[in-house]
Amino acid sequence: MPRPLRARAAASTRNTLPDSGKDARMRHALPLLLCTALLGGCAGGPKDIAGTWINQPAIDAAADSGKLREALLAYGPNLEWRFAPQRHTAWSSNGVDVGEGHLASAGEAQWQVTFHRDFQERFALDGDELVQQPSASAPEQRFVAVDADTAAASEVLPGQTFEQRLYAALLGGDWEIREGTGREGLVRFHPDGRVEGLPEVERYALCLAGDCAERSAEHEILWLQNGQQGREWLFQLAGDELSIYQADNQALHTDIPQYRPGPRAWLLERD
């Protein structure tokens, strides 16, 4: 499971000025307050880009079509960006890996992020959207900002905000088991990866990218886990019907599985 971000400890200092130094304290405090209000701690750097931005077009396309893989290929590869201007730092997530780069201003309402070996991505604001400019590694992509409370949550790792919004859009709501173990029971997929009501399943995860995406050429992959035990399944989402199939491995003599749908384990219908 992902490790929580380490909270930044606030350093405290002891006031050593004598009681008669009230005016001196005020003179020292005023510049500090001005720096905090105007420059976010006098650190400098771009401000409008600060926070977490997610690939909402990919989420919308997946929710509308039910085809997660096609949506991510069409609107990816980057799914989330997080920017900390005071630290001149940016993080990106493609659903599996998190990259960290140096954030710098590149003109009015424009920025660039430099990764190792001088690889760069450039950004510009277009109304309420953040546009990642086309590059050798990716086409133009558009991102929207999330609310400040979510962006500032220290326990949320880069990439998790997109994942949780995607889970809610794709699998949100109450589902009734129409076929399979637990028939007529209600199932709920929570955005944080918990599952209620699906027999012998406590957690789930959708395959967004990486090694798991190579294990089936056509079908969506779902991870289901109970306690410390879990395995991959295939799923198909058609409107308000969710079919979950056993994943049959066709590659018997290689290290990389190649899955095809086996027997359908569950058919769920969303209320």
Foldseek 3Di string as FASTA:
>chain_A
DDDFFDDDDDDDDDDPDDPVCPVVVVVVVVVQVVCCVPPVRVLDFDDPQAFKWFQVQLLVVCLVAVDNQVSCVVADQWGMKHDDGSVQKIWTDRQPDIFIFGWHADDVQKIWTAGPPRDIWIWGDDDQWIWTPQDPVGHIHIIGHDDPVVRPPRRQDTPLVSQLSSCCSRQAAWKAWCDAPQHRWIWGQHSVFAIPRDPQFGGKGWDRDDLVVVQEPDFTWMWTDHDPDIDIWTWTDDPQKIWIFRWDFPCPPDPRTHTDGDDTRTIIGGD
